[in-house]
Amino acid sequence: MSANLPANPNLPRPSLHLLLKAIGDPTRWAILGALTSGEPQMVIEIAEKIGASASTVSKNLAIMRKANVVTANRAGLYSIPRAYLPTLGQPIIDFGHCLLRFDAQGDGEG
């Protein structure tokens, strides 16, 4: 995989402006960390993991969806597109513009 492009060339690289907005907030950063497992999760699951309300998580996920940083399936499960996860189970996200590394707990602080 190229260090500059997502693994899936059919998946558009997120807009840099929207990407920075999506990752520049501590709550959204925590959401990303919670989703690095690659497993789709419900809003309530994410909220429990990061210690926030479901309403707060839902509002932040909407911003992240607009930036194409996360996706939601028909069942309302959110995930990071597989193309941005170079190695499943590893707390690393590659958006093409940048490579994000999270600690083992997924909070990115450490």
N, C-alpha and C. Protein backbone atom coordinates (compact mmCIF):
# COMPACT_ATOMS: atom_id res chain seq x y z
N MET A 1 0.84 -1.18 0.00
CA MET A 1 0.00 0.00 0.00
C MET A 1 0.88 1.23 0.00
N SER A 2 0.55 2.20 -0.80
CA SER A 2 1.27 3.45 -0.84
C SER A 2 1.03 4.25 0.43
N ALA A 3 2.03 4.96 0.89
CA ALA A 3 1.88 5.78 2.09
C ALA A 3 1.02 7.00 1.81
N ASN A 4 0.78 7.33 0.54
CA ASN A 4 0.05 8.54 0.20
C ASN A 4 -1.39 8.31 -0.24
N LEU A 5 -1.81 7.07 -0.44
CA LEU A 5 -3.14 6.79 -0.94
C LEU A 5 -3.83 5.73 -0.11
N PRO A 6 -5.16 5.82 0.04
CA PRO A 6 -5.86 4.74 0.72
C PRO A 6 -5.68 3.43 -0.04
N ALA A 7 -5.85 2.30 0.66
CA ALA A 7 -5.65 0.99 0.05
C ALA A 7 -6.62 0.74 -1.09
N ASN A 8 -7.82 1.28 -1.02
CA ASN A 8 -8.83 1.07 -2.05
C ASN A 8 -8.90 2.31 -2.94
N PRO A 9 -8.41 2.24 -4.18
CA PRO A 9 -8.41 3.42 -5.04
C PRO A 9 -9.81 3.88 -5.41
N ASN A 10 -10.84 3.04 -5.23
CA ASN A 10 -12.21 3.44 -5.52
C ASN A 10 -12.82 4.29 -4.41
N LEU A 11 -12.22 4.27 -3.23
CA LEU A 11 -12.71 5.06 -2.11
C LEU A 11 -12.05 6.43 -2.17
N PRO A 12 -12.84 7.50 -2.27
CA PRO A 12 -12.24 8.82 -2.39
C PRO A 12 -11.48 9.21 -1.13
N ARG A 13 -10.35 9.85 -1.34
CA ARG A 13 -9.59 10.38 -0.21
C ARG A 13 -10.42 11.50 0.40
N PRO A 14 -10.55 11.54 1.72
CA PRO A 14 -11.35 12.60 2.33
C PRO A 14 -10.76 13.98 2.02
N SER A 15 -11.63 14.97 1.91
CA SER A 15 -11.18 16.34 1.76
C SER A 15 -10.29 16.68 2.95
N LEU A 16 -9.13 17.27 2.69
CA LEU A 16 -8.21 17.60 3.77
C LEU A 16 -8.86 18.54 4.77
N HIS A 17 -9.59 19.54 4.28
CA HIS A 17 -10.25 20.49 5.17
C HIS A 17 -11.25 19.77 6.08
N LEU A 18 -12.10 18.92 5.51
CA LEU A 18 -13.09 18.19 6.30
C LEU A 18 -12.43 17.16 7.21
N LEU A 19 -11.35 16.54 6.73
CA LEU A 19 -10.63 15.56 7.54
C LEU A 19 -10.06 16.22 8.79
N LEU A 20 -9.43 17.37 8.62
CA LEU A 20 -8.85 18.05 9.78
C LEU A 20 -9.92 18.46 10.78
N LYS A 21 -11.06 18.89 10.27
CA LYS A 21 -12.18 19.21 11.16
C LYS A 21 -12.65 17.96 11.88
N ALA A 22 -12.70 16.85 11.18
CA ALA A 22 -13.20 15.60 11.75
C ALA A 22 -12.27 15.03 12.81
N ILE A 23 -10.98 15.22 12.68
CA ILE A 23 -10.06 14.63 13.66
C ILE A 23 -9.55 15.63 14.68
N GLY A 24 -9.87 16.91 14.50
CA GLY A 24 -9.34 17.96 15.37
C GLY A 24 -10.09 18.14 16.68
N ASP A 25 -11.14 17.41 16.89
CA ASP A 25 -11.94 17.53 18.10
C ASP A 25 -11.68 16.33 19.00
N PRO A 26 -11.49 16.54 20.30
CA PRO A 26 -11.19 15.40 21.20
C PRO A 26 -12.25 14.30 21.19
N THR A 27 -13.51 14.67 21.09
CA THR A 27 -14.56 13.64 21.05
C THR A 27 -14.48 12.83 19.77
N ARG A 28 -14.28 13.50 18.65
CA ARG A 28 -14.17 12.78 17.38
C ARG A 28 -12.91 11.93 17.34
N TRP A 29 -11.84 12.42 17.93
CA TRP A 29 -10.59 11.64 18.02
C TRP A 29 -10.86 10.36 18.81
N ALA A 30 -11.58 10.48 19.93
CA ALA A 30 -11.90 9.31 20.75
C ALA A 30 -12.79 8.33 19.97
N ILE A 31 -13.72 8.85 19.20
CA ILE A 31 -14.59 7.99 18.38
C ILE A 31 -13.74 7.21 17.37
N LEU A 32 -12.83 7.89 16.72
CA LEU A 32 -11.94 7.20 15.77
C LEU A 32 -11.17 6.08 16.47
N GLY A 33 -10.63 6.40 17.63
CA GLY A 33 -9.89 5.38 18.38
C GLY A 33 -10.75 4.18 18.71
N ALA A 34 -12.01 4.43 19.05
CA ALA A 34 -12.93 3.34 19.39
C ALA A 34 -13.26 2.48 18.17
N LEU A 35 -13.16 3.06 16.99
CA LEU A 35 -13.51 2.33 15.77
C LEU A 35 -12.32 1.67 15.07
N THR A 36 -11.12 1.81 15.62
CA THR A 36 -9.95 1.25 14.94
C THR A 36 -9.94 -0.28 14.88
N SER A 37 -10.80 -0.93 15.64
CA SER A 37 -10.86 -2.40 15.59
C SER A 37 -11.36 -2.88 14.23
N GLY A 38 -12.07 -2.00 13.52
CA GLY A 38 -12.62 -2.38 12.23
C GLY A 38 -14.00 -2.99 12.32
N GLU A 39 -14.46 -3.25 13.54
CA GLU A 39 -15.79 -3.84 13.75
C GLU A 39 -16.85 -2.74 13.75
N PRO A 40 -17.91 -2.89 12.97
CA PRO A 40 -19.00 -1.91 13.00
C PRO A 40 -19.62 -1.86 14.40
N GLN A 41 -19.96 -0.64 14.83
CA GLN A 41 -20.50 -0.47 16.18
C GLN A 41 -21.69 0.47 16.17
N MET A 42 -22.58 0.26 17.13
CA MET A 42 -23.73 1.13 17.31
C MET A 42 -23.30 2.38 18.06
N VAL A 43 -24.07 3.45 17.91
CA VAL A 43 -23.76 4.71 18.59
C VAL A 43 -23.62 4.48 20.09
N ILE A 44 -24.52 3.72 20.69
CA ILE A 44 -24.49 3.50 22.13
C ILE A 44 -23.22 2.76 22.55
N GLU A 45 -22.74 1.84 21.73
CA GLU A 45 -21.50 1.12 22.04
C GLU A 45 -20.31 2.09 22.04
N ILE A 46 -20.27 2.94 21.04
CA ILE A 46 -19.19 3.92 20.96
C ILE A 46 -19.26 4.86 22.15
N ALA A 47 -20.47 5.32 22.46
CA ALA A 47 -20.66 6.24 23.58
C ALA A 47 -20.15 5.64 24.89
N GLU A 48 -20.47 4.37 25.12
CA GLU A 48 -20.01 3.70 26.33
C GLU A 48 -18.49 3.61 26.37
N LYS A 49 -17.88 3.30 25.23
CA LYS A 49 -16.42 3.15 25.17
C LYS A 49 -15.69 4.46 25.47
N ILE A 50 -16.25 5.57 24.99
CA ILE A 50 -15.53 6.84 25.15
C ILE A 50 -16.05 7.69 26.30
N GLY A 51 -17.11 7.22 26.96
CA GLY A 51 -17.64 7.95 28.11
C GLY A 51 -18.37 9.23 27.73
N ALA A 52 -19.14 9.17 26.67
CA ALA A 52 -19.92 10.33 26.22
C ALA A 52 -21.37 9.89 26.03
N SER A 53 -22.25 10.87 25.90
CA SER A 53 -23.65 10.54 25.66
C SER A 53 -23.85 10.08 24.22
N ALA A 54 -24.89 9.29 24.00
CA ALA A 54 -25.20 8.83 22.65
C ALA A 54 -25.52 10.02 21.74
N SER A 55 -26.15 11.04 22.28
CA SER A 55 -26.47 12.24 21.50
C SER A 55 -25.21 12.94 21.02
N THR A 56 -24.24 13.07 21.91
CA THR A 56 -22.96 13.71 21.56
C THR A 56 -22.25 12.90 20.48
N VAL A 57 -22.20 11.59 20.65
CA VAL A 57 -21.54 10.72 19.68
C VAL A 57 -22.25 10.80 18.33
N SER A 58 -23.57 10.77 18.35
CA SER A 58 -24.33 10.84 17.11
C SER A 58 -24.06 12.14 16.35
N LYS A 59 -24.03 13.25 17.03
CA LYS A 59 -23.76 14.54 16.39
C LYS A 59 -22.36 14.56 15.79
N ASN A 60 -21.40 14.01 16.51
CA ASN A 60 -20.03 13.98 16.00
C ASN A 60 -19.87 13.01 14.85
N LEU A 61 -20.58 11.89 14.89
CA LEU A 61 -20.53 10.95 13.77
C LEU A 61 -21.09 11.57 12.50
N ALA A 62 -22.08 12.44 12.62
CA ALA A 62 -22.63 13.12 11.44
C ALA A 62 -21.55 13.97 10.76
N ILE A 63 -20.75 14.66 11.55
CA ILE A 63 -19.64 15.46 11.00
C ILE A 63 -18.62 14.55 10.34
N MET A 64 -18.34 13.43 10.97
CA MET A 64 -17.36 12.49 10.46
C MET A 64 -17.85 11.81 9.18
N ARG A 65 -19.15 11.55 9.10
CA ARG A 65 -19.71 10.96 7.86
C ARG A 65 -19.60 11.95 6.71
N LYS A 66 -19.88 13.21 6.99
CA LYS A 66 -19.78 14.24 5.95
C LYS A 66 -18.36 14.31 5.39
N ALA A 67 -17.39 14.06 6.24
CA ALA A 67 -15.98 14.09 5.83
C ALA A 67 -15.53 12.77 5.21
N ASN A 68 -16.42 11.77 5.13
CA ASN A 68 -16.09 10.43 4.63
C ASN A 68 -15.04 9.72 5.47
N VAL A 69 -15.03 10.04 6.75
CA VAL A 69 -14.10 9.42 7.69
C VAL A 69 -14.69 8.15 8.28
N VAL A 70 -16.01 8.13 8.43
CA VAL A 70 -16.73 6.94 8.89
C VAL A 70 -17.91 6.70 7.96
N THR A 71 -18.40 5.48 7.99
CA THR A 71 -19.60 5.13 7.23
C THR A 71 -20.59 4.46 8.17
N ALA A 72 -21.84 4.43 7.74
CA ALA A 72 -22.88 3.74 8.51
C ALA A 72 -23.61 2.80 7.56
N ASN A 73 -23.90 1.61 8.05
CA ASN A 73 -24.67 0.68 7.22
C ASN A 73 -26.16 0.85 7.51
N ARG A 74 -26.97 0.06 6.85
CA ARG A 74 -28.43 0.18 7.01
C ARG A 74 -28.90 -0.10 8.42
N ALA A 75 -28.15 -0.88 9.15
CA ALA A 75 -28.53 -1.22 10.53
C ALA A 75 -28.09 -0.14 11.52
N GLY A 76 -27.45 0.92 11.02
CA GLY A 76 -27.01 1.99 11.90
C GLY A 76 -25.70 1.69 12.62
N LEU A 77 -24.93 0.78 12.07
CA LEU A 77 -23.62 0.45 12.64
C LEU A 77 -22.56 1.30 11.94
N TYR A 78 -21.72 1.93 12.72
CA TYR A 78 -20.69 2.82 12.19
C TYR A 78 -19.34 2.11 12.16
N SER A 79 -18.55 2.48 11.16
CA SER A 79 -17.20 1.93 11.06
C SER A 79 -16.33 2.87 10.24
N ILE A 80 -15.05 2.65 10.35
CA ILE A 80 -14.09 3.33 9.49
C ILE A 80 -14.01 2.49 8.22
N PRO A 81 -14.09 3.10 7.05
CA PRO A 81 -13.98 2.30 5.82
C PRO A 81 -12.72 1.43 5.84
N ARG A 82 -12.86 0.18 5.48
CA ARG A 82 -11.77 -0.79 5.51
C ARG A 82 -10.52 -0.29 4.77
N ALA A 83 -10.71 0.48 3.72
CA ALA A 83 -9.58 0.98 2.95
C ALA A 83 -8.65 1.85 3.78
N TYR A 84 -9.16 2.45 4.85
CA TYR A 84 -8.35 3.33 5.69
C TYR A 84 -7.69 2.58 6.85
N LEU A 85 -7.97 1.30 6.98
CA LEU A 85 -7.38 0.51 8.06
C LEU A 85 -6.35 -0.45 7.46
N PRO A 86 -5.09 -0.06 7.44
CA PRO A 86 -4.07 -0.89 6.78
C PRO A 86 -3.97 -2.30 7.34
N THR A 87 -4.11 -2.46 8.65
CA THR A 87 -4.03 -3.77 9.28
C THR A 87 -5.14 -3.88 10.31
N LEU A 88 -6.11 -4.75 10.05
CA LEU A 88 -7.21 -4.90 11.00
C LEU A 88 -6.68 -5.28 12.37
N GLY A 89 -7.29 -4.69 13.38
CA GLY A 89 -6.88 -4.97 14.75
C GLY A 89 -5.76 -4.09 15.25
N GLN A 90 -5.11 -3.36 14.36
CA GLN A 90 -4.05 -2.44 14.76
C GLN A 90 -4.65 -1.04 14.87
N PRO A 91 -4.28 -0.28 15.88
CA PRO A 91 -4.86 1.05 16.08
C PRO A 91 -4.22 2.11 15.17
N ILE A 92 -4.30 1.86 13.86
CA ILE A 92 -3.70 2.77 12.87
C ILE A 92 -4.73 3.04 11.79
N ILE A 93 -4.86 4.32 11.41
CA ILE A 93 -5.76 4.72 10.33
C ILE A 93 -4.93 5.50 9.31
N ASP A 94 -5.06 5.14 8.03
CA ASP A 94 -4.34 5.84 6.97
C ASP A 94 -5.37 6.49 6.05
N PHE A 95 -5.49 7.83 6.15
CA PHE A 95 -6.43 8.56 5.32
C PHE A 95 -5.80 9.09 4.04
N GLY A 96 -4.56 8.71 3.77
CA GLY A 96 -3.88 9.20 2.58
C GLY A 96 -3.17 10.50 2.84
N HIS A 97 -3.84 11.45 3.47
CA HIS A 97 -3.22 12.73 3.83
C HIS A 97 -2.34 12.56 5.06
N CYS A 98 -2.74 11.64 5.93
CA CYS A 98 -2.03 11.47 7.19
C CYS A 98 -2.23 10.05 7.71
N LEU A 99 -1.33 9.64 8.56
CA LEU A 99 -1.38 8.33 9.20
C LEU A 99 -1.61 8.58 10.69
N LEU A 100 -2.69 8.08 11.24
CA LEU A 100 -3.01 8.28 12.66
C LEU A 100 -2.71 7.01 13.43
N ARG A 101 -2.01 7.17 14.53
CA ARG A 101 -1.70 6.03 15.40
C ARG A 101 -2.34 6.27 16.76
N PHE A 102 -3.06 5.27 17.21
CA PHE A 102 -3.73 5.34 18.50
C PHE A 102 -3.04 4.37 19.45
N ASP A 103 -3.16 4.60 20.75
CA ASP A 103 -2.58 3.66 21.70
C ASP A 103 -3.46 2.42 21.76
N ALA A 104 -3.08 1.45 22.57
CA ALA A 104 -3.79 0.17 22.61
C ALA A 104 -5.25 0.32 23.04
N GLN A 105 -5.57 1.36 23.83
CA GLN A 105 -6.94 1.59 24.25
C GLN A 105 -7.73 2.35 23.20
N GLY A 106 -7.04 2.85 22.15
CA GLY A 106 -7.73 3.53 21.07
C GLY A 106 -7.97 5.00 21.30
N ASP A 107 -7.39 5.60 22.39
CA ASP A 107 -7.69 7.00 22.63
C ASP A 107 -6.66 7.95 22.03
N GLY A 108 -5.58 7.42 21.48
CA GLY A 108 -4.61 8.26 20.81
C GLY A 108 -3.71 9.04 21.73
N GLU A 109 -3.89 8.90 23.02
CA GLU A 109 -3.06 9.64 23.96
C GLU A 109 -2.12 8.66 24.65
N GLY A 110 -0.88 8.76 24.31
CA GLY A 110 0.04 7.85 24.95
C GLY A 110 1.31 7.68 24.19
